[in-house]
Amino acid sequence: MRIGLVTDSCCDLPRDFLDQHQIVILPITIHGNDRTFIDNRDPAATRDFYRRQAAAGVADFESEPLSAEQIRELFLSRLVLEFDSVFCLTVMQSRSQIFNHCSQAARTVLTEYRPIREQAHITKPFSLRVFDSANIFAGQGLVVAEVARLISLQAPCSEIAKHIERVTQTAQGFLMPADLGQLRHQARRKGDKSVGFLSYALGSALDIKPVVRAYRGETTPVARIHGFNAGVEKLFSLAQAHLERGLIAPTICVSYGGDPAVVTDMPAYQKLKHACKQYAVQLLLCEMSTTAGVNIGSGGMAIAFASEIEAVLD
């Protein structure tokens, strides 16, 4: 059976990983600064976006996902012919309309695919399942990476679906901005109080960085840390502690709002990389989604792992 994997561009995974596993990206369009940027998870374009954003400073941005009709067209024109079964995993549905659009498209696709496959002399039925990753950015990347791993191992669809349910309930993603200006600006503009961004942004003069956790479909502030580097150290040490206790999934995802080479030079990252090698856990590092960047600014850091133990930042 040919199993396909689809996600949106909020998903933080390296481009070479996406290409290796033939993961299909649903692009998101960013409008702002008198420009339109289509995020297809192109590393060079993403790094350039962050450079321009850092130079421009605080700005208004809007993100626009594909419509249900655009997603339907993608499936019927291409994916129903390339695959027999598709898993579609989206960013947390409480933060975007992508899950709803994919679900609407899926209902239509499943009623319209047969003549298209028959014309191509494909007799097998086509299946499509849409899942809410219940996470964002690096956390979404973790869930998608796990599905890709099982597909590469030729796991049956029932096993993959069961693993998705388990990982979405245990994946814990942490997000920390480097500068609070863009975060405060976007939160005020949107009236976003769901994760307490405004109250946490008040610490900017004291170099206090808020840490937001994405877990089981909710985003919540969990800590305020003095200094970005200290925050990175705490987040990476937290991931390593859970790694040493035992993870649900042998994957840790890290993303950065800029050039990932900045992260590879950090001692905390090198320490985590060594631990991952020791415990046979894949460590995936990439540029952070521009959808994250337009809300928290350039230079932000995200990390995600899946653990049955709920993580606590001291």
C-alpha atoms as a PDB file:
ATOM      1  CA  MET A   1       0.000   0.000   0.000  1.00  0.00           C
ATOM      2  CA  ARG A   2       1.252   3.483  -0.879  1.00  0.00           C
ATOM      3  CA  ILE A   3       0.857   5.615   2.250  1.00  0.00           C
ATOM      4  CA  GLY A   4       1.151   9.389   1.992  1.00  0.00           C
ATOM      5  CA  LEU A   5       1.703  12.027   4.652  1.00  0.00           C
ATOM      6  CA  VAL A   6       0.405  15.598   4.429  1.00  0.00           C
ATOM      7  CA  THR A   7       0.920  18.508   6.817  1.00  0.00           C
ATOM      8  CA  ASP A   8       0.835  22.300   6.739  1.00  0.00           C
ATOM      9  CA  SER A   9       3.775  24.674   6.768  1.00  0.00           C
ATOM     10  CA  CYS A  10       3.397  25.371  10.500  1.00  0.00           C
ATOM     11  CA  CYS A  11       5.150  22.019  10.895  1.00  0.00           C
ATOM     12  CA  ASP A  12       8.787  22.492  11.906  1.00  0.00           C
ATOM     13  CA  LEU A  13      10.857  19.787  10.216  1.00  0.00           C
ATOM     14  CA  PRO A  14      14.077  20.023   8.176  1.00  0.00           C
ATOM     15  CA  ARG A  15      13.641  20.262   4.413  1.00  0.00           C
ATOM     16  CA  ASP A  16      15.814  17.214   3.788  1.00  0.00           C
ATOM     17  CA  PHE A  17      13.616  15.204   6.185  1.00  0.00           C
ATOM     18  CA  LEU A  18      10.464  16.366   4.377  1.00  0.00           C
ATOM     19  CA  ASP A  19      11.983  15.401   1.029  1.00  0.00           C
ATOM     20  CA  GLN A  20      13.316  12.061   2.253  1.00  0.00           C
ATOM     21  CA  HIS A  21       9.872  11.008   3.470  1.00  0.00           C
ATOM     22  CA  GLN A  22       7.994  12.697   0.596  1.00  0.00           C
ATOM     23  CA  ILE A  23       5.878  14.713   3.013  1.00  0.00           C
ATOM     24  CA  VAL A  24       3.427  16.976   1.193  1.00  0.00           C
ATOM     25  CA  ILE A  25       3.221  20.543   2.519  1.00  0.00           C
ATOM     26  CA  LEU A  26       0.056  22.650   2.506  1.00  0.00           C
ATOM     27  CA  PRO A  27       1.529  26.162   2.196  1.00  0.00           C
ATOM     28  CA  ILE A  28       0.449  29.114   4.307  1.00  0.00           C
ATOM     29  CA  THR A  29       0.573  32.643   2.909  1.00  0.00           C
ATOM     30  CA  ILE A  30       1.881  35.463   5.102  1.00  0.00           C
ATOM     31  CA  HIS A  31       0.716  39.016   4.372  1.00  0.00           C
ATOM     32  CA  GLY A  32       2.606  41.949   5.902  1.00  0.00           C
ATOM     33  CA  ASN A  33       5.235  44.652   5.437  1.00  0.00           C
ATOM     34  CA  ASP A  34       3.785  45.319   1.964  1.00  0.00           C
ATOM     35  CA  ARG A  35       4.828  41.814   0.940  1.00  0.00           C
ATOM     36  CA  THR A  36       3.289  38.408   0.433  1.00  0.00           C
ATOM     37  CA  PHE A  37       5.310  35.377   1.470  1.00  0.00           C
ATOM     38  CA  ILE A  38       4.219  31.813   0.696  1.00  0.00           C
ATOM     39  CA  ASP A  39       5.713  29.401   3.215  1.00  0.00           C
ATOM     40  CA  ASN A  40       6.576  26.149   1.453  1.00  0.00           C
ATOM     41  CA  ARG A  41       9.201  25.229   4.060  1.00  0.00           C
ATOM     42  CA  ASP A  42      12.040  26.433   1.851  1.00  0.00           C
ATOM     43  CA  PRO A  43      15.045  26.940   4.183  1.00  0.00           C
ATOM     44  CA  ALA A  44      16.731  29.766   2.271  1.00  0.00           C
ATOM     45  CA  ALA A  45      13.475  31.674   1.785  1.00  0.00           C
ATOM     46  CA  THR A  46      12.580  31.235   5.460  1.00  0.00           C
ATOM     47  CA  ARG A  47      15.953  32.509   6.659  1.00  0.00           C
ATOM     48  CA  ASP A  48      15.596  35.505   4.341  1.00  0.00           C
ATOM     49  CA  PHE A  49      12.123  36.165   5.756  1.00  0.00           C
ATOM     50  CA  TYR A  50      13.554  36.278   9.281  1.00  0.00           C
ATOM     51  CA  ARG A  51      16.406  38.575   8.225  1.00  0.00           C
ATOM     52  CA  ARG A  52      13.929  41.008   6.668  1.00  0.00           C
ATOM     53  CA  GLN A  53      11.644  40.805   9.687  1.00  0.00           C
ATOM     54  CA  ALA A  54      14.505  41.524  12.095  1.00  0.00           C
ATOM     55  CA  ALA A  55      15.518  44.537  10.012  1.00  0.00           C
ATOM     56  CA  ALA A  56      11.970  45.888   9.710  1.00  0.00           C
ATOM     57  CA  GLY A  57      11.050  45.545  13.389  1.00  0.00           C
ATOM     58  CA  VAL A  58       7.497  45.238  14.697  1.00  0.00           C
ATOM     59  CA  ALA A  59       4.850  44.922  11.959  1.00  0.00           C
ATOM     60  CA  ASP A  60       1.293  43.763  11.261  1.00  0.00           C
ATOM     61  CA  PHE A  61       1.019  40.283   9.768  1.00  0.00           C
ATOM     62  CA  GLU A  62      -1.822  38.022   8.717  1.00  0.00           C
ATOM     63  CA  SER A  63      -1.533  34.337   7.865  1.00  0.00           C
ATOM     64  CA  GLU A  64      -3.814  32.704   5.303  1.00  0.00           C
ATOM     65  CA  PRO A  65      -4.088  28.908   5.003  1.00  0.00           C
ATOM     66  CA  LEU A  66      -5.322  27.086   1.924  1.00  0.00           C
ATOM     67  CA  SER A  67      -9.090  26.985   1.600  1.00  0.00           C
ATOM     68  CA  ALA A  68     -11.044  23.733   1.752  1.00  0.00           C
ATOM     69  CA  GLU A  69     -11.534  23.970  -2.017  1.00  0.00           C
ATOM     70  CA  GLN A  70      -7.798  24.391  -2.659  1.00  0.00           C
ATOM     71  CA  ILE A  71      -7.034  21.368  -0.488  1.00  0.00           C
ATOM     72  CA  ARG A  72      -9.720  19.346  -2.268  1.00  0.00           C
ATOM     73  CA  GLU A  73      -8.185  20.252  -5.629  1.00  0.00           C
ATOM     74  CA  LEU A  74      -4.719  19.169  -4.480  1.00  0.00           C
ATOM     75  CA  PHE A  75      -6.011  15.765  -3.424  1.00  0.00           C
ATOM     76  CA  LEU A  76      -8.160  15.091  -6.469  1.00  0.00           C
ATOM     77  CA  SER A  77      -5.589  16.299  -9.000  1.00  0.00           C
ATOM     78  CA  ARG A  78      -2.613  14.535  -7.488  1.00  0.00           C
ATOM     79  CA  LEU A  79      -2.731  12.730  -4.161  1.00  0.00           C
ATOM     80  CA  VAL A  80      -5.558  10.282  -4.874  1.00  0.00           C
ATOM     81  CA  LEU A  81      -3.394   9.018  -7.745  1.00  0.00           C
ATOM     82  CA  GLU A  82      -0.065   8.954  -5.918  1.00  0.00           C
ATOM     83  CA  PHE A  83      -1.255   7.209  -2.745  1.00  0.00           C
ATOM     84  CA  ASP A  84      -3.759   4.615  -1.571  1.00  0.00           C
ATOM     85  CA  SER A  85      -4.002   6.001   1.948  1.00  0.00           C
ATOM     86  CA  VAL A  86      -3.118   9.435   3.321  1.00  0.00           C
ATOM     87  CA  PHE A  87      -2.605  10.709   6.845  1.00  0.00           C
ATOM     88  CA  CYS A  88      -3.109  14.469   7.111  1.00  0.00           C
ATOM     89  CA  LEU A  89      -1.848  16.098  10.310  1.00  0.00           C
ATOM     90  CA  THR A  90      -2.519  19.770  10.991  1.00  0.00           C
ATOM     91  CA  VAL A  91      -1.438  22.432  13.433  1.00  0.00           C
ATOM     92  CA  MET A  92      -3.488  22.643  16.640  1.00  0.00           C
ATOM     93  CA  GLN A  93      -7.075  23.355  15.591  1.00  0.00           C
ATOM     94  CA  SER A  94      -7.644  25.956  18.316  1.00  0.00           C
ATOM     95  CA  ARG A  95      -4.932  28.133  16.705  1.00  0.00           C
ATOM     96  CA  SER A  96      -5.886  27.834  13.024  1.00  0.00           C
ATOM     97  CA  GLN A  97      -8.648  26.990  10.542  1.00  0.00           C
ATOM     98  CA  ILE A  98      -6.411  24.473   8.745  1.00  0.00           C
ATOM     99  CA  PHE A  99      -7.852  21.440  10.545  1.00  0.00           C
ATOM    100  CA  ASN A 100     -11.400  22.508   9.680  1.00  0.00           C
ATOM    101  CA  HIS A 101     -10.482  23.170   6.050  1.00  0.00           C
ATOM    102  CA  CYS A 102      -8.771  19.782   5.731  1.00  0.00           C
ATOM    103  CA  SER A 103     -11.714  18.011   7.355  1.00  0.00           C
ATOM    104  CA  GLN A 104     -14.161  19.697   4.965  1.00  0.00           C
ATOM    105  CA  ALA A 105     -11.981  18.828   1.986  1.00  0.00           C
ATOM    106  CA  ALA A 106     -11.618  15.215   3.125  1.00  0.00           C
ATOM    107  CA  ARG A 107     -15.367  14.650   3.175  1.00  0.00           C
ATOM    108  CA  THR A 108     -15.615  15.844  -0.423  1.00  0.00           C
ATOM    109  CA  VAL A 109     -12.542  13.948  -1.617  1.00  0.00           C
ATOM    110  CA  LEU A 110     -13.833  10.661  -0.222  1.00  0.00           C
ATOM    111  CA  THR A 111     -17.047  11.012  -2.226  1.00  0.00           C
ATOM    112  CA  GLU A 112     -15.393  12.108  -5.488  1.00  0.00           C
ATOM    113  CA  TYR A 113     -12.147  10.139  -5.864  1.00  0.00           C
ATOM    114  CA  ARG A 114     -13.446   6.904  -7.455  1.00  0.00           C
ATOM    115  CA  PRO A 115     -13.885   8.033 -11.096  1.00  0.00           C
ATOM    116  CA  ILE A 116     -10.451   9.670 -11.022  1.00  0.00           C
ATOM    117  CA  ARG A 117      -8.708   6.512  -9.818  1.00  0.00           C
ATOM    118  CA  GLU A 118     -10.728   4.288 -12.144  1.00  0.00           C
ATOM    119  CA  GLN A 119      -9.694   6.400 -15.118  1.00  0.00           C
ATOM    120  CA  ALA A 120      -6.080   5.772 -14.077  1.00  0.00           C
ATOM    121  CA  HIS A 121      -6.846   2.021 -13.805  1.00  0.00           C
ATOM    122  CA  ILE A 122      -6.443   2.004 -10.018  1.00  0.00           C
ATOM    123  CA  THR A 123      -8.970  -0.355  -8.479  1.00  0.00           C
ATOM    124  CA  LYS A 124      -7.991  -0.114  -4.810  1.00  0.00           C
ATOM    125  CA  PRO A 125     -10.106   2.152  -2.613  1.00  0.00           C
ATOM    126  CA  PHE A 126      -8.572   5.381  -1.319  1.00  0.00           C
ATOM    127  CA  SER A 127      -8.558   6.355   2.354  1.00  0.00           C
ATOM    128  CA  LEU A 128      -7.887   9.713   3.967  1.00  0.00           C
ATOM    129  CA  ARG A 129      -7.741  10.527   7.670  1.00  0.00           C
ATOM    130  CA  VAL A 130      -7.289  14.015   9.120  1.00  0.00           C
ATOM    131  CA  PHE A 131      -5.761  14.432  12.579  1.00  0.00           C
ATOM    132  CA  ASP A 132      -5.288  17.447  14.807  1.00  0.00           C
ATOM    133  CA  SER A 133      -1.669  17.254  15.988  1.00  0.00           C
ATOM    134  CA  ALA A 134      -2.825  19.066  19.157  1.00  0.00           C
ATOM    135  CA  ASN A 135       0.451  20.990  18.979  1.00  0.00           C
ATOM    136  CA  ILE A 136       2.288  23.756  17.149  1.00  0.00           C
ATOM    137  CA  PHE A 137       5.568  24.228  15.291  1.00  0.00           C
ATOM    138  CA  ALA A 138       8.244  21.897  16.784  1.00  0.00           C
ATOM    139  CA  GLY A 139       5.519  19.907  18.562  1.00  0.00           C
ATOM    140  CA  GLN A 140       3.623  19.419  15.320  1.00  0.00           C
ATOM    141  CA  GLY A 141       6.922  18.448  13.698  1.00  0.00           C
ATOM    142  CA  LEU A 142       7.421  15.757  16.321  1.00  0.00           C
ATOM    143  CA  VAL A 143       4.050  14.138  15.596  1.00  0.00           C
ATOM    144  CA  VAL A 144       4.599  14.253  11.828  1.00  0.00           C
ATOM    145  CA  ALA A 145       8.136  12.881  12.159  1.00  0.00           C
ATOM    146  CA  GLU A 146       6.804   9.922  14.103  1.00  0.00           C
ATOM    147  CA  VAL A 147       4.225   9.143  11.432  1.00  0.00           C
ATOM    148  CA  ALA A 148       6.952   9.346   8.790  1.00  0.00           C
ATOM    149  CA  ARG A 149       9.095   6.960  10.827  1.00  0.00           C
ATOM    150  CA  LEU A 150       6.319   4.364  11.035  1.00  0.00           C
ATOM    151  CA  ILE A 151       5.500   4.690   7.335  1.00  0.00           C
ATOM    152  CA  SER A 152       9.166   4.045   6.522  1.00  0.00           C
ATOM    153  CA  LEU A 153       8.986   0.918   8.684  1.00  0.00           C
ATOM    154  CA  GLN A 154       5.925  -0.190   6.660  1.00  0.00           C
ATOM    155  CA  ALA A 155       3.712  -0.220   9.736  1.00  0.00           C
ATOM    156  CA  PRO A 156       0.013  -0.930   9.081  1.00  0.00           C
ATOM    157  CA  CYS A 157      -2.368   2.022   9.028  1.00  0.00           C
ATOM    158  CA  SER A 158      -4.089   0.850  12.209  1.00  0.00           C
ATOM    159  CA  GLU A 159      -0.785   0.928  14.094  1.00  0.00           C
ATOM    160  CA  ILE A 160       0.039   4.376  12.712  1.00  0.00           C
ATOM    161  CA  ALA A 161      -3.348   5.751  13.778  1.00  0.00           C
ATOM    162  CA  LYS A 162      -2.924   4.320  17.266  1.00  0.00           C
ATOM    163  CA  HIS A 163       0.548   5.867  17.553  1.00  0.00           C
ATOM    164  CA  ILE A 164      -0.780   9.255  16.421  1.00  0.00           C
ATOM    165  CA  GLU A 165      -3.334   9.201  19.229  1.00  0.00           C
ATOM    166  CA  ARG A 166      -0.640   8.357  21.770  1.00  0.00           C
ATOM    167  CA  VAL A 167       1.893  10.926  20.588  1.00  0.00           C
ATOM    168  CA  THR A 168      -0.625  13.770  20.308  1.00  0.00           C
ATOM    169  CA  GLN A 169      -1.525  13.159  23.961  1.00  0.00           C
ATOM    170  CA  THR A 170       2.090  13.139  25.172  1.00  0.00           C
ATOM    171  CA  ALA A 171       3.874  15.622  22.884  1.00  0.00           C
ATOM    172  CA  GLN A 172       4.955  18.733  24.772  1.00  0.00           C
ATOM    173  CA  GLY A 173       6.171  21.703  22.768  1.00  0.00           C
ATOM    174  CA  PHE A 174       7.863  24.722  24.343  1.00  0.00           C
ATOM    175  CA  LEU A 175       8.203  28.106  22.658  1.00  0.00           C
ATOM    176  CA  MET A 176      10.294  31.074  23.827  1.00  0.00           C
ATOM    177  CA  PRO A 177      10.675  34.430  22.039  1.00  0.00           C
ATOM    178  CA  ALA A 178      13.964  36.298  21.949  1.00  0.00           C
ATOM    179  CA  ASP A 179      12.318  39.728  21.766  1.00  0.00           C
ATOM    180  CA  LEU A 180       8.870  40.546  23.067  1.00  0.00           C
ATOM    181  CA  GLY A 181       8.041  43.453  20.762  1.00  0.00           C
ATOM    182  CA  GLN A 182       6.391  41.479  17.955  1.00  0.00           C
ATOM    183  CA  LEU A 183       4.660  39.134  20.376  1.00  0.00           C
ATOM    184  CA  ARG A 184       3.138  42.046  22.298  1.00  0.00           C
ATOM    185  CA  HIS A 185       2.140  43.829  19.086  1.00  0.00           C
ATOM    186  CA  GLN A 186       0.372  40.839  17.538  1.00  0.00           C
ATOM    187  CA  ALA A 187      -1.331  39.884  20.795  1.00  0.00           C
ATOM    188  CA  ARG A 188      -2.719  43.387  21.264  1.00  0.00           C
ATOM    189  CA  ARG A 189      -3.836  43.585  17.645  1.00  0.00           C
ATOM    190  CA  LYS A 190      -5.662  40.252  17.842  1.00  0.00           C
ATOM    191  CA  GLY A 191      -6.955  40.642  21.383  1.00  0.00           C
ATOM    192  CA  ASP A 192      -5.248  37.329  22.155  1.00  0.00           C
ATOM    193  CA  LYS A 193      -5.519  36.592  25.860  1.00  0.00           C
ATOM    194  CA  SER A 194      -5.728  32.807  25.630  1.00  0.00           C
ATOM    195  CA  VAL A 195      -2.115  32.254  26.643  1.00  0.00           C
ATOM    196  CA  GLY A 196      -1.578  35.359  28.733  1.00  0.00           C
ATOM    197  CA  PHE A 197       0.814  36.912  26.245  1.00  0.00           C
ATOM    198  CA  LEU A 198       0.177  40.495  27.339  1.00  0.00           C
ATOM    199  CA  SER A 199       0.907  40.002  31.012  1.00  0.00           C
ATOM    200  CA  TYR A 200       4.019  38.020  30.188  1.00  0.00           C
ATOM    201  CA  ALA A 201       5.256  40.663  27.778  1.00  0.00           C
ATOM    202  CA  LEU A 202       5.528  43.232  30.562  1.00  0.00           C
ATOM    203  CA  GLY A 203       8.873  41.791  31.608  1.00  0.00           C
ATOM    204  CA  SER A 204      10.720  42.909  28.479  1.00  0.00           C
ATOM    205  CA  ALA A 205      12.559  45.720  30.246  1.00  0.00           C
ATOM    206  CA  LEU A 206      13.967  43.178  32.703  1.00  0.00           C
ATOM    207  CA  ASP A 207      14.915  40.709  29.948  1.00  0.00           C
ATOM    208  CA  ILE A 208      12.276  38.287  31.201  1.00  0.00           C
ATOM    209  CA  LYS A 209      11.350  35.705  28.565  1.00  0.00           C
ATOM    210  CA  PRO A 210       7.975  33.967  28.680  1.00  0.00           C
ATOM    211  CA  VAL A 211       7.877  30.260  27.913  1.00  0.00           C
ATOM    212  CA  VAL A 212       4.663  28.943  26.381  1.00  0.00           C
ATOM    213  CA  ARG A 213       3.833  25.255  26.349  1.00  0.00           C
ATOM    214  CA  ALA A 214       1.685  23.576  23.696  1.00  0.00           C
ATOM    215  CA  TYR A 215       0.130  20.412  25.116  1.00  0.00           C
ATOM    216  CA  ARG A 216      -3.022  18.439  24.329  1.00  0.00           C
ATOM    217  CA  GLY A 217      -4.538  21.130  22.165  1.00  0.00           C
ATOM    218  CA  GLU A 218      -3.879  24.095  24.443  1.00  0.00           C
ATOM    219  CA  THR A 219      -1.200  26.791  24.653  1.00  0.00           C
ATOM    220  CA  THR A 220      -0.358  27.988  28.147  1.00  0.00           C
ATOM    221  CA  PRO A 221       2.372  30.166  29.697  1.00  0.00           C
ATOM    222  CA  VAL A 222       4.385  27.979  32.058  1.00  0.00           C
ATOM    223  CA  ALA A 223       7.430  30.022  33.062  1.00  0.00           C
ATOM    224  CA  ARG A 224       9.221  33.354  32.983  1.00  0.00           C
ATOM    225  CA  ILE A 225      12.978  33.088  32.675  1.00  0.00           C
ATOM    226  CA  HIS A 226      15.567  35.826  33.073  1.00  0.00           C
ATOM    227  CA  GLY A 227      17.604  35.930  29.879  1.00  0.00           C
ATOM    228  CA  PHE A 228      17.277  34.115  26.566  1.00  0.00           C
ATOM    229  CA  ASN A 229      20.414  31.982  26.971  1.00  0.00           C
ATOM    230  CA  ALA A 230      19.309  30.869  30.424  1.00  0.00           C
ATOM    231  CA  GLY A 231      15.950  29.928  28.924  1.00  0.00           C
ATOM    232  CA  VAL A 232      17.592  27.858  26.196  1.00  0.00           C
ATOM    233  CA  GLU A 233      19.660  26.053  28.823  1.00  0.00           C
ATOM    234  CA  LYS A 234      16.572  25.261  30.889  1.00  0.00           C
ATOM    235  CA  LEU A 235      14.524  24.043  27.927  1.00  0.00           C
ATOM    236  CA  PHE A 236      17.259  21.815  26.551  1.00  0.00           C
ATOM    237  CA  SER A 237      18.058  20.441  30.020  1.00  0.00           C
ATOM    238  CA  LEU A 238      14.363  19.686  30.500  1.00  0.00           C
ATOM    239  CA  ALA A 239      14.271  17.747  27.230  1.00  0.00           C
ATOM    240  CA  GLN A 240      17.405  15.828  28.190  1.00  0.00           C
ATOM    241  CA  ALA A 241      15.962  14.913  31.592  1.00  0.00           C
ATOM    242  CA  HIS A 242      12.862  13.431  29.947  1.00  0.00           C
ATOM    243  CA  LEU A 243      15.039  11.729  27.349  1.00  0.00           C
ATOM    244  CA  GLU A 244      16.988   9.986  30.100  1.00  0.00           C
ATOM    245  CA  ARG A 245      13.751   8.917  31.837  1.00  0.00           C
ATOM    246  CA  GLY A 246      12.397   7.483  28.601  1.00  0.00           C
ATOM    247  CA  LEU A 247      10.382   9.055  25.815  1.00  0.00           C
ATOM    248  CA  ILE A 248       7.198   7.831  24.135  1.00  0.00           C
ATOM    249  CA  ALA A 249       8.740   8.570  20.736  1.00  0.00           C
ATOM    250  CA  PRO A 250      12.443   8.412  19.751  1.00  0.00           C
ATOM    251  CA  THR A 251      12.416  11.953  18.352  1.00  0.00           C
ATOM    252  CA  ILE A 252      13.146  15.452  19.651  1.00  0.00           C
ATOM    253  CA  CYS A 253      12.448  18.480  17.456  1.00  0.00           C
ATOM    254  CA  VAL A 254      14.104  21.882  17.760  1.00  0.00           C
ATOM    255  CA  SER A 255      13.359  24.976  15.670  1.00  0.00           C
ATOM    256  CA  TYR A 256      14.789  28.480  15.589  1.00  0.00           C
ATOM    257  CA  GLY A 257      13.525  31.759  14.143  1.00  0.00           C
ATOM    258  CA  GLY A 258      16.497  32.280  11.864  1.00  0.00           C
ATOM    259  CA  ASP A 259      19.540  30.315  10.726  1.00  0.00           C
ATOM    260  CA  PRO A 260      19.727  26.986  12.634  1.00  0.00           C
ATOM    261  CA  ALA A 261      23.528  27.269  12.547  1.00  0.00           C
ATOM    262  CA  VAL A 262      23.100  29.655  15.489  1.00  0.00           C
ATOM    263  CA  VAL A 263      21.700  26.764  17.523  1.00  0.00           C
ATOM    264  CA  THR A 264      24.328  24.188  16.606  1.00  0.00           C
ATOM    265  CA  ASP A 265      26.987  26.351  18.264  1.00  0.00           C
ATOM    266  CA  MET A 266      25.137  26.476  21.586  1.00  0.00           C
ATOM    267  CA  PRO A 267      26.667  24.300  24.358  1.00  0.00           C
ATOM    268  CA  ALA A 268      23.181  23.246  25.518  1.00  0.00           C
ATOM    269  CA  TYR A 269      22.381  21.951  22.030  1.00  0.00           C
ATOM    270  CA  GLN A 270      25.669  20.068  21.781  1.00  0.00           C
ATOM    271  CA  LYS A 271      24.981  18.439  25.133  1.00  0.00           C
ATOM    272  CA  LEU A 272      21.486  17.404  24.031  1.00  0.00           C
ATOM    273  CA  LYS A 273      22.832  16.133  20.713  1.00  0.00           C
ATOM    274  CA  HIS A 274      25.314  13.906  22.549  1.00  0.00           C
ATOM    275  CA  ALA A 275      22.549  12.520  24.796  1.00  0.00           C
ATOM    276  CA  CYS A 276      20.307  11.816  21.795  1.00  0.00           C
ATOM    277  CA  LYS A 277      23.092   9.853  20.141  1.00  0.00           C
ATOM    278  CA  GLN A 278      23.656   7.905  23.345  1.00  0.00           C
ATOM    279  CA  TYR A 279      19.954   6.985  23.627  1.00  0.00           C
ATOM    280  CA  ALA A 280      19.366   6.417  19.878  1.00  0.00           C
ATOM    281  CA  VAL A 281      16.920   9.322  19.586  1.00  0.00           C
ATOM    282  CA  GLN A 282      16.791  11.388  16.398  1.00  0.00           C
ATOM    283  CA  LEU A 283      17.328  15.110  16.960  1.00  0.00           C
ATOM    284  CA  LEU A 284      15.782  17.247  14.219  1.00  0.00           C
ATOM    285  CA  LEU A 285      16.738  20.927  13.895  1.00  0.00           C
ATOM    286  CA  CYS A 286      15.291  23.418  11.414  1.00  0.00           C
ATOM    287  CA  GLU A 287      14.067  26.938  10.768  1.00  0.00           C
ATOM    288  CA  MET A 288      10.953  27.867  12.706  1.00  0.00           C
ATOM    289  CA  SER A 289       7.741  28.263  10.719  1.00  0.00           C
ATOM    290  CA  THR A 290       7.175  31.808   9.526  1.00  0.00           C
ATOM    291  CA  THR A 291       3.708  31.547  11.066  1.00  0.00           C
ATOM    292  CA  ALA A 292       5.460  31.373  14.422  1.00  0.00           C
ATOM    293  CA  GLY A 293       7.819  34.150  13.442  1.00  0.00           C
ATOM    294  CA  VAL A 294       5.103  36.648  12.601  1.00  0.00           C
ATOM    295  CA  ASN A 295       3.679  36.176  16.093  1.00  0.00           C
ATOM    296  CA  ILE A 296       6.814  36.037  18.249  1.00  0.00           C
ATOM    297  CA  GLY A 297       9.416  37.739  16.052  1.00  0.00           C
ATOM    298  CA  SER A 298      12.786  36.528  14.848  1.00  0.00           C
ATOM    299  CA  GLY A 299      15.230  34.638  17.044  1.00  0.00           C
ATOM    300  CA  GLY A 300      12.658  32.557  18.928  1.00  0.00           C
ATOM    301  CA  MET A 301      13.364  28.993  20.037  1.00  0.00           C
ATOM    302  CA  ALA A 302      11.096  25.939  20.182  1.00  0.00           C
ATOM    303  CA  ILE A 303      11.687  22.385  21.375  1.00  0.00           C
ATOM    304  CA  ALA A 304       9.368  19.380  21.614  1.00  0.00           C
ATOM    305  CA  PHE A 305       9.447  15.846  22.962  1.00  0.00           C
ATOM    306  CA  ALA A 306       6.853  13.211  23.882  1.00  0.00           C
ATOM    307  CA  SER A 307       6.783  12.009  27.471  1.00  0.00           C
ATOM    308  CA  GLU A 308       4.143  10.402  29.667  1.00  0.00           C
ATOM    309  CA  ILE A 309       5.410  12.610  32.494  1.00  0.00           C
ATOM    310  CA  GLU A 310       4.111  16.160  32.280  1.00  0.00           C
ATOM    311  CA  ALA A 311       7.118  18.447  32.057  1.00  0.00           C
ATOM    312  CA  VAL A 312       7.638  21.117  34.715  1.00  0.00           C
ATOM    313  CA  LEU A 313      10.001  24.064  34.357  1.00  0.00           C
ATOM    314  CA  ASP A 314      11.558  25.140  37.653  1.00  0.00           C
END
